[in-house]
C-alpha atoms as a PDB file:
ATOM      1  CA  UNK A   1       4.199 -18.077  33.232  1.00  0.00           C
ATOM      2  CA  UNK A   2       0.214 -18.466  33.991  1.00  0.00           C
ATOM      3  CA  UNK A   3       0.387 -14.958  36.165  1.00  0.00           C
ATOM      4  CA  UNK A   4       1.468 -13.213  32.728  1.00  0.00           C
ATOM      5  CA  UNK A   5      -1.469 -14.401  31.214  1.00  0.00           C
ATOM      6  CA  UNK A   6      -4.537 -12.610  31.556  1.00  0.00           C
ATOM      7  CA  UNK A   7      -6.831 -16.029  30.932  1.00  0.00           C
ATOM      8  CA  UNK A   8      -6.089 -19.292  32.974  1.00  0.00           C
ATOM      9  CA  UNK A   9      -4.338 -22.401  32.009  1.00  0.00           C
ATOM     10  CA  UNK A  10      -7.613 -24.736  31.736  1.00  0.00           C
ATOM     11  CA  UNK A  11      -9.349 -22.164  29.650  1.00  0.00           C
ATOM     12  CA  UNK A  12      -6.841 -20.996  26.531  1.00  0.00           C
ATOM     13  CA  UNK A  13      -7.671 -24.135  24.677  1.00  0.00           C
ATOM     14  CA  UNK A  14     -10.722 -21.944  23.756  1.00  0.00           C
ATOM     15  CA  UNK A  15      -8.590 -18.536  23.501  1.00  0.00           C
ATOM     16  CA  UNK A  16      -6.968 -20.199  21.144  1.00  0.00           C
ATOM     17  CA  UNK A  17     -10.255 -21.385  18.895  1.00  0.00           C
ATOM     18  CA  UNK A  18     -12.386 -17.994  19.020  1.00  0.00           C
ATOM     19  CA  UNK A  19      -8.833 -16.632  18.533  1.00  0.00           C
ATOM     20  CA  UNK A  20      -8.347 -18.044  15.555  1.00  0.00           C
ATOM     21  CA  UNK A  21     -11.486 -18.286  14.614  1.00  0.00           C
ATOM     22  CA  UNK A  22     -12.230 -13.963  15.557  1.00  0.00           C
ATOM     23  CA  UNK A  23      -9.064 -12.444  13.382  1.00  0.00           C
ATOM     24  CA  UNK A  24      -8.975 -15.061  10.534  1.00  0.00           C
ATOM     25  CA  UNK A  25     -12.990 -13.673   9.676  1.00  0.00           C
ATOM     26  CA  UNK A  26     -11.959  -9.858  10.831  1.00  0.00           C
ATOM     27  CA  UNK A  27      -8.991  -9.698   8.362  1.00  0.00           C
ATOM     28  CA  UNK A  28     -11.454 -11.575   5.449  1.00  0.00           C
ATOM     29  CA  UNK A  29     -14.122  -9.271   6.099  1.00  0.00           C
ATOM     30  CA  UNK A  30     -11.566  -6.892   5.271  1.00  0.00           C
ATOM     31  CA  UNK A  31     -10.159  -8.756   2.331  1.00  0.00           C
ATOM     32  CA  UNK A  32     -13.718  -9.551   0.391  1.00  0.00           C
ATOM     33  CA  UNK A  33     -15.468  -6.081   1.160  1.00  0.00           C
ATOM     34  CA  UNK A  34     -12.150  -3.786  -0.332  1.00  0.00           C
ATOM     35  CA  UNK A  35     -12.162  -6.658  -3.449  1.00  0.00           C
ATOM     36  CA  UNK A  36     -16.117  -6.341  -3.849  1.00  0.00           C
ATOM     37  CA  UNK A  37     -15.341  -2.660  -4.811  1.00  0.00           C
ATOM     38  CA  UNK A  38     -12.715  -3.441  -7.263  1.00  0.00           C
ATOM     39  CA  UNK A  39      -8.930  -3.651  -5.503  1.00  0.00           C
ATOM     40  CA  UNK A  40      -8.124  -7.183  -5.853  1.00  0.00           C
ATOM     41  CA  UNK A  41      -4.348  -6.875  -3.648  1.00  0.00           C
ATOM     42  CA  UNK A  42      -5.311  -8.886  -1.018  1.00  0.00           C
ATOM     43  CA  UNK A  43      -6.625 -11.219  -3.375  1.00  0.00           C
ATOM     44  CA  UNK A  44      -3.946 -11.401  -4.911  1.00  0.00           C
ATOM     45  CA  UNK A  45      -1.686 -11.846  -1.680  1.00  0.00           C
ATOM     46  CA  UNK A  46      -3.671 -14.711  -0.367  1.00  0.00           C
ATOM     47  CA  UNK A  47      -5.622 -13.318   1.870  1.00  0.00           C
ATOM     48  CA  UNK A  48      -8.687 -13.992   0.377  1.00  0.00           C
ATOM     49  CA  UNK A  49      -9.458 -16.788   2.083  1.00  0.00           C
ATOM     50  CA  UNK A  50     -10.148 -18.787   5.918  1.00  0.00           C
ATOM     51  CA  UNK A  51      -6.174 -19.693   6.354  1.00  0.00           C
ATOM     52  CA  UNK A  52      -5.064 -18.590  10.043  1.00  0.00           C
ATOM     53  CA  UNK A  53      -1.903 -18.517   8.899  1.00  0.00           C
ATOM     54  CA  UNK A  54      -2.476 -16.055   6.494  1.00  0.00           C
ATOM     55  CA  UNK A  55      -3.873 -13.457   9.079  1.00  0.00           C
ATOM     56  CA  UNK A  56      -2.655 -14.006  12.393  1.00  0.00           C
ATOM     57  CA  UNK A  57       0.113 -11.580  13.901  1.00  0.00           C
ATOM     58  CA  UNK A  58       2.450 -13.488  15.730  1.00  0.00           C
ATOM     59  CA  UNK A  59       2.663 -10.480  18.693  1.00  0.00           C
ATOM     60  CA  UNK A  60      -0.413  -8.830  18.325  1.00  0.00           C
ATOM     61  CA  UNK A  61      -2.486 -12.292  19.232  1.00  0.00           C
ATOM     62  CA  UNK A  62       0.699 -12.842  22.029  1.00  0.00           C
ATOM     63  CA  UNK A  63      -1.309  -9.638  23.556  1.00  0.00           C
ATOM     64  CA  UNK A  64      -4.567 -10.550  23.402  1.00  0.00           C
ATOM     65  CA  UNK A  65      -2.763 -13.400  26.077  1.00  0.00           C
ATOM     66  CA  UNK A  66      -1.225 -10.752  28.429  1.00  0.00           C
ATOM     67  CA  UNK A  67      -3.165  -8.208  28.390  1.00  0.00           C
ATOM     68  CA  UNK A  68      -6.378  -8.983  26.788  1.00  0.00           C
ATOM     69  CA  UNK A  69      -6.347  -6.860  23.702  1.00  0.00           C
ATOM     70  CA  UNK A  70      -4.463  -7.560  20.457  1.00  0.00           C
ATOM     71  CA  UNK A  71      -4.078  -7.905  16.020  1.00  0.00           C
ATOM     72  CA  UNK A  72      -3.738  -9.304  13.552  1.00  0.00           C
ATOM     73  CA  UNK A  73      -1.507  -8.618   9.995  1.00  0.00           C
ATOM     74  CA  UNK A  74      -3.449  -5.419   8.875  1.00  0.00           C
ATOM     75  CA  UNK A  75      -5.356  -6.072   5.196  1.00  0.00           C
ATOM     76  CA  UNK A  76      -3.044  -4.302   2.331  1.00  0.00           C
ATOM     77  CA  UNK A  77      -5.126  -1.718   0.335  1.00  0.00           C
ATOM     78  CA  UNK A  78      -4.990  -0.055  -2.467  1.00  0.00           C
ATOM     79  CA  UNK A  79      -7.732   3.030  -2.657  1.00  0.00           C
ATOM     80  CA  UNK A  80      -6.851   4.347  -6.719  1.00  0.00           C
ATOM     81  CA  UNK A  81      -9.029   0.928  -7.826  1.00  0.00           C
ATOM     82  CA  UNK A  82     -12.303   2.516  -5.580  1.00  0.00           C
ATOM     83  CA  UNK A  83     -15.053   4.015  -7.446  1.00  0.00           C
ATOM     84  CA  UNK A  84     -15.145   6.128  -4.777  1.00  0.00           C
ATOM     85  CA  UNK A  85     -12.735   5.819  -1.651  1.00  0.00           C
ATOM     86  CA  UNK A  86     -13.508   7.511   1.067  1.00  0.00           C
ATOM     87  CA  UNK A  87     -17.010   5.295   1.157  1.00  0.00           C
ATOM     88  CA  UNK A  88     -15.689   2.267   0.375  1.00  0.00           C
ATOM     89  CA  UNK A  89     -12.581   2.734   2.350  1.00  0.00           C
ATOM     90  CA  UNK A  90     -14.937   3.335   5.367  1.00  0.00           C
ATOM     91  CA  UNK A  91     -16.704   0.670   4.332  1.00  0.00           C
ATOM     92  CA  UNK A  92     -13.507  -1.886   4.323  1.00  0.00           C
ATOM     93  CA  UNK A  93     -12.101  -0.696   7.426  1.00  0.00           C
ATOM     94  CA  UNK A  94     -15.453  -1.157   8.981  1.00  0.00           C
ATOM     95  CA  UNK A  95     -16.301  -4.969   7.771  1.00  0.00           C
ATOM     96  CA  UNK A  96     -13.908  -6.240  10.416  1.00  0.00           C
ATOM     97  CA  UNK A  97     -14.607  -4.939  13.682  1.00  0.00           C
ATOM     98  CA  UNK A  98     -18.487  -6.131  12.054  1.00  0.00           C
ATOM     99  CA  UNK A  99     -17.899  -8.783  11.759  1.00  0.00           C
ATOM    100  CA  UNK A 100     -16.600  -9.354  15.559  1.00  0.00           C
ATOM    101  CA  UNK A 101     -20.290  -8.578  16.577  1.00  0.00           C
ATOM    102  CA  UNK A 102     -21.669 -10.851  14.208  1.00  0.00           C
ATOM    103  CA  UNK A 103     -19.739 -13.166  15.921  1.00  0.00           C
ATOM    104  CA  UNK A 104     -20.356 -12.315  19.451  1.00  0.00           C
ATOM    105  CA  UNK A 105     -24.046 -11.817  18.355  1.00  0.00           C
ATOM    106  CA  UNK A 106     -24.437 -15.528  16.907  1.00  0.00           C
ATOM    107  CA  UNK A 107     -22.332 -16.992  20.187  1.00  0.00           C
ATOM    108  CA  UNK A 108     -25.391 -14.981  22.325  1.00  0.00           C
ATOM    109  CA  UNK A 109     -26.931 -16.560  20.360  1.00  0.00           C
ATOM    110  CA  UNK A 110     -26.017 -20.390  21.211  1.00  0.00           C
ATOM    111  CA  UNK A 111     -26.555 -19.798  24.568  1.00  0.00           C
ATOM    112  CA  UNK A 112     -30.143 -18.634  24.090  1.00  0.00           C
ATOM    113  CA  UNK A 113     -30.839 -21.397  22.090  1.00  0.00           C
ATOM    114  CA  UNK A 114     -29.403 -23.923  25.139  1.00  0.00           C
ATOM    115  CA  UNK A 115     -31.375 -22.628  27.680  1.00  0.00           C
ATOM    116  CA  UNK A 116     -34.659 -22.365  25.563  1.00  0.00           C
ATOM    117  CA  UNK A 117     -34.305 -25.958  24.346  1.00  0.00           C
ATOM    118  CA  UNK A 118     -32.840 -27.424  26.977  1.00  0.00           C
ATOM    119  CA  UNK A 119     -33.553 -25.461  30.725  1.00  0.00           C
ATOM    120  CA  UNK A 120     -31.109 -26.035  32.893  1.00  0.00           C
ATOM    121  CA  UNK A 121     -27.712 -27.973  30.822  1.00  0.00           C
ATOM    122  CA  UNK A 122     -26.398 -30.638  32.563  1.00  0.00           C
ATOM    123  CA  UNK A 123     -23.559 -29.629  34.511  1.00  0.00           C
ATOM    124  CA  UNK A 124     -20.439 -31.320  32.545  1.00  0.00           C
ATOM    125  CA  UNK A 125     -21.871 -30.157  30.264  1.00  0.00           C
ATOM    126  CA  UNK A 126     -23.711 -27.061  30.910  1.00  0.00           C
ATOM    127  CA  UNK A 127     -19.900 -25.573  32.457  1.00  0.00           C
ATOM    128  CA  UNK A 128     -18.364 -26.129  29.508  1.00  0.00           C
ATOM    129  CA  UNK A 129     -20.983 -25.130  27.124  1.00  0.00           C
ATOM    130  CA  UNK A 130     -20.882 -21.433  28.962  1.00  0.00           C
ATOM    131  CA  UNK A 131     -17.416 -21.160  29.193  1.00  0.00           C
ATOM    132  CA  UNK A 132     -16.415 -21.476  25.199  1.00  0.00           C
ATOM    133  CA  UNK A 133     -19.031 -19.038  24.474  1.00  0.00           C
ATOM    134  CA  UNK A 134     -18.286 -16.947  27.085  1.00  0.00           C
ATOM    135  CA  UNK A 135     -14.784 -16.929  25.520  1.00  0.00           C
ATOM    136  CA  UNK A 136     -15.815 -16.213  22.516  1.00  0.00           C
ATOM    137  CA  UNK A 137     -18.519 -13.311  23.264  1.00  0.00           C
ATOM    138  CA  UNK A 138     -16.194 -11.586  25.048  1.00  0.00           C
ATOM    139  CA  UNK A 139     -13.041 -11.532  22.846  1.00  0.00           C
ATOM    140  CA  UNK A 140     -14.811 -11.006  19.746  1.00  0.00           C
ATOM    141  CA  UNK A 141     -16.551  -7.802  21.839  1.00  0.00           C
ATOM    142  CA  UNK A 142     -13.639  -6.648  22.796  1.00  0.00           C
ATOM    143  CA  UNK A 143     -11.410  -7.593  18.764  1.00  0.00           C
ATOM    144  CA  UNK A 144     -14.854  -5.164  17.510  1.00  0.00           C
ATOM    145  CA  UNK A 145     -14.485  -2.121  20.643  1.00  0.00           C
ATOM    146  CA  UNK A 146     -10.952  -2.283  20.177  1.00  0.00           C
ATOM    147  CA  UNK A 147     -10.519  -1.386  16.837  1.00  0.00           C
ATOM    148  CA  UNK A 148     -13.574   0.262  16.878  1.00  0.00           C
ATOM    149  CA  UNK A 149     -10.754   3.564  18.706  1.00  0.00           C
ATOM    150  CA  UNK A 150      -9.411   6.229  16.835  1.00  0.00           C
ATOM    151  CA  UNK A 151      -5.594   5.207  17.393  1.00  0.00           C
ATOM    152  CA  UNK A 152      -3.265   4.161  13.912  1.00  0.00           C
ATOM    153  CA  UNK A 153      -2.491   1.668  12.824  1.00  0.00           C
ATOM    154  CA  UNK A 154      -6.415   0.600  14.222  1.00  0.00           C
ATOM    155  CA  UNK A 155      -9.977   0.570  12.047  1.00  0.00           C
ATOM    156  CA  UNK A 156     -11.215   3.546  14.315  1.00  0.00           C
ATOM    157  CA  UNK A 157      -8.646   5.483  12.702  1.00  0.00           C
ATOM    158  CA  UNK A 158      -8.949   4.564   9.002  1.00  0.00           C
ATOM    159  CA  UNK A 159     -12.922   5.955   9.353  1.00  0.00           C
ATOM    160  CA  UNK A 160     -11.619   9.082  10.429  1.00  0.00           C
ATOM    161  CA  UNK A 161      -9.224   9.336   7.387  1.00  0.00           C
ATOM    162  CA  UNK A 162     -12.299   8.615   5.021  1.00  0.00           C
ATOM    163  CA  UNK A 163     -14.511  11.034   6.937  1.00  0.00           C
ATOM    164  CA  UNK A 164     -12.337  14.259   7.203  1.00  0.00           C
ATOM    165  CA  UNK A 165     -11.636  17.050   4.298  1.00  0.00           C
ATOM    166  CA  UNK A 166      -7.974  15.665   2.963  1.00  0.00           C
ATOM    167  CA  UNK A 167      -6.051  18.026   3.894  1.00  0.00           C
ATOM    168  CA  UNK A 168      -6.089  17.159   7.001  1.00  0.00           C
ATOM    169  CA  UNK A 169      -6.431  13.063   5.974  1.00  0.00           C
ATOM    170  CA  UNK A 170      -2.740  14.281   4.960  1.00  0.00           C
ATOM    171  CA  UNK A 171      -2.378  15.088   8.092  1.00  0.00           C
ATOM    172  CA  UNK A 172      -3.078  12.781   9.850  1.00  0.00           C
ATOM    173  CA  UNK A 173      -1.280  10.419   7.473  1.00  0.00           C
ATOM    174  CA  UNK A 174       1.984  12.037   8.430  1.00  0.00           C
ATOM    175  CA  UNK A 175       2.160  11.742  11.798  1.00  0.00           C
ATOM    176  CA  UNK A 176       0.317   8.373  11.553  1.00  0.00           C
ATOM    177  CA  UNK A 177       3.820   6.527  12.570  1.00  0.00           C
ATOM    178  CA  UNK A 178       4.142   9.032  15.655  1.00  0.00           C
ATOM    179  CA  UNK A 179       0.509   8.288  16.359  1.00  0.00           C
ATOM    180  CA  UNK A 180       0.932   4.410  15.943  1.00  0.00           C
ATOM    181  CA  UNK A 181       4.282   4.754  18.613  1.00  0.00           C
ATOM    182  CA  UNK A 182       2.654   6.275  21.703  1.00  0.00           C
ATOM    183  CA  UNK A 183      -0.801   4.114  20.768  1.00  0.00           C
ATOM    184  CA  UNK A 184       1.837   0.729  21.271  1.00  0.00           C
ATOM    185  CA  UNK A 185       3.186   2.305  24.039  1.00  0.00           C
ATOM    186  CA  UNK A 186       0.023   2.261  25.819  1.00  0.00           C
ATOM    187  CA  UNK A 187      -0.978  -0.890  24.544  1.00  0.00           C
ATOM    188  CA  UNK A 188       2.444  -2.337  26.935  1.00  0.00           C
ATOM    189  CA  UNK A 189       2.647  -0.217  30.425  1.00  0.00           C
ATOM    190  CA  UNK A 190       0.149   0.273  32.720  1.00  0.00           C
ATOM    191  CA  UNK A 191      -1.672   2.947  31.119  1.00  0.00           C
ATOM    192  CA  UNK A 192      -3.478   1.274  29.094  1.00  0.00           C
ATOM    193  CA  UNK A 193      -5.460   0.047  32.203  1.00  0.00           C
ATOM    194  CA  UNK A 194      -6.804   4.150  32.266  1.00  0.00           C
ATOM    195  CA  UNK A 195      -7.058   4.680  28.565  1.00  0.00           C
ATOM    196  CA  UNK A 196      -8.496   1.312  27.206  1.00  0.00           C
ATOM    197  CA  UNK A 197      -9.837  -1.137  29.512  1.00  0.00           C
ATOM    198  CA  UNK A 198     -13.334   1.448  30.777  1.00  0.00           C
ATOM    199  CA  UNK A 199     -14.081   2.250  26.890  1.00  0.00           C
ATOM    200  CA  UNK A 200     -13.801  -1.856  26.251  1.00  0.00           C
ATOM    201  CA  UNK A 201     -15.402  -2.942  29.425  1.00  0.00           C
ATOM    202  CA  UNK A 202     -18.386  -0.490  29.024  1.00  0.00           C
ATOM    203  CA  UNK A 203     -19.581  -1.133  25.117  1.00  0.00           C
ATOM    204  CA  UNK A 204     -19.339  -4.625  25.682  1.00  0.00           C
ATOM    205  CA  UNK A 205     -21.818  -4.387  28.714  1.00  0.00           C
ATOM    206  CA  UNK A 206     -23.711  -2.412  27.080  1.00  0.00           C
ATOM    207  CA  UNK A 207     -24.127  -4.282  23.951  1.00  0.00           C
ATOM    208  CA  UNK A 208     -24.485  -7.596  26.166  1.00  0.00           C
ATOM    209  CA  UNK A 209     -27.121  -5.258  27.278  1.00  0.00           C
ATOM    210  CA  UNK A 210     -28.103  -4.794  23.836  1.00  0.00           C
ATOM    211  CA  UNK A 211     -27.923  -8.740  22.876  1.00  0.00           C
ATOM    212  CA  UNK A 212     -30.382  -9.328  25.852  1.00  0.00           C
ATOM    213  CA  UNK A 213     -33.040  -7.142  24.496  1.00  0.00           C
ATOM    214  CA  UNK A 214     -32.744  -9.104  21.412  1.00  0.00           C
ATOM    215  CA  UNK A 215     -32.650 -12.050  22.110  1.00  0.00           C
ATOM    216  CA  UNK A 216     -34.542 -12.429  25.476  1.00  0.00           C
ATOM    217  CA  UNK A 217     -38.251 -13.904  23.826  1.00  0.00           C
ATOM    218  CA  UNK A 218     -35.537 -17.621  23.007  1.00  0.00           C
ATOM    219  CA  UNK A 219     -34.245 -16.928  27.003  1.00  0.00           C
END
């Protein structure tokens, strides 16, 4: 089965640890920001929690092992409770991806601190340490970038819905189901390699370069 996986079997524990943390925090961020803007829908459904069982989607999680990216169960949001629906909608939508960007920065910070404190780390410790945080950084950055893509049902599409006029939003909502089907076809076919991965890889490299510039004094 290993040849079906994007990650070698020996690093699967690190991938699982990262996925549980990244997807859980991502969905909690959506739920928390919605709650702060007056929508208690997610809270009533038990989504305002760090319990990963409330957030993980089996198919979306499996895709990360196979394709390298995926998703969790969407947090329910009821816009009628928002005083400023468009502003609140945008902030709720971007809260999840931003949480993954913060987690990725935390991982990069841990590597910078490790190098600063210990210089050349002992080989046995160094391999495990850097492998763990490399996966942590890469997966969180992939989730950050992937979820900002303008495809339904991703967060980037939700942001666009709140940026456009009400009439255009209605049209986008009308065809959302078809867009989701097209998106799924792209994800599970080789088209994903040419549609998604250039953006994900280039975006990841740019962000890592920014992290490196910010934390260079520590390294």
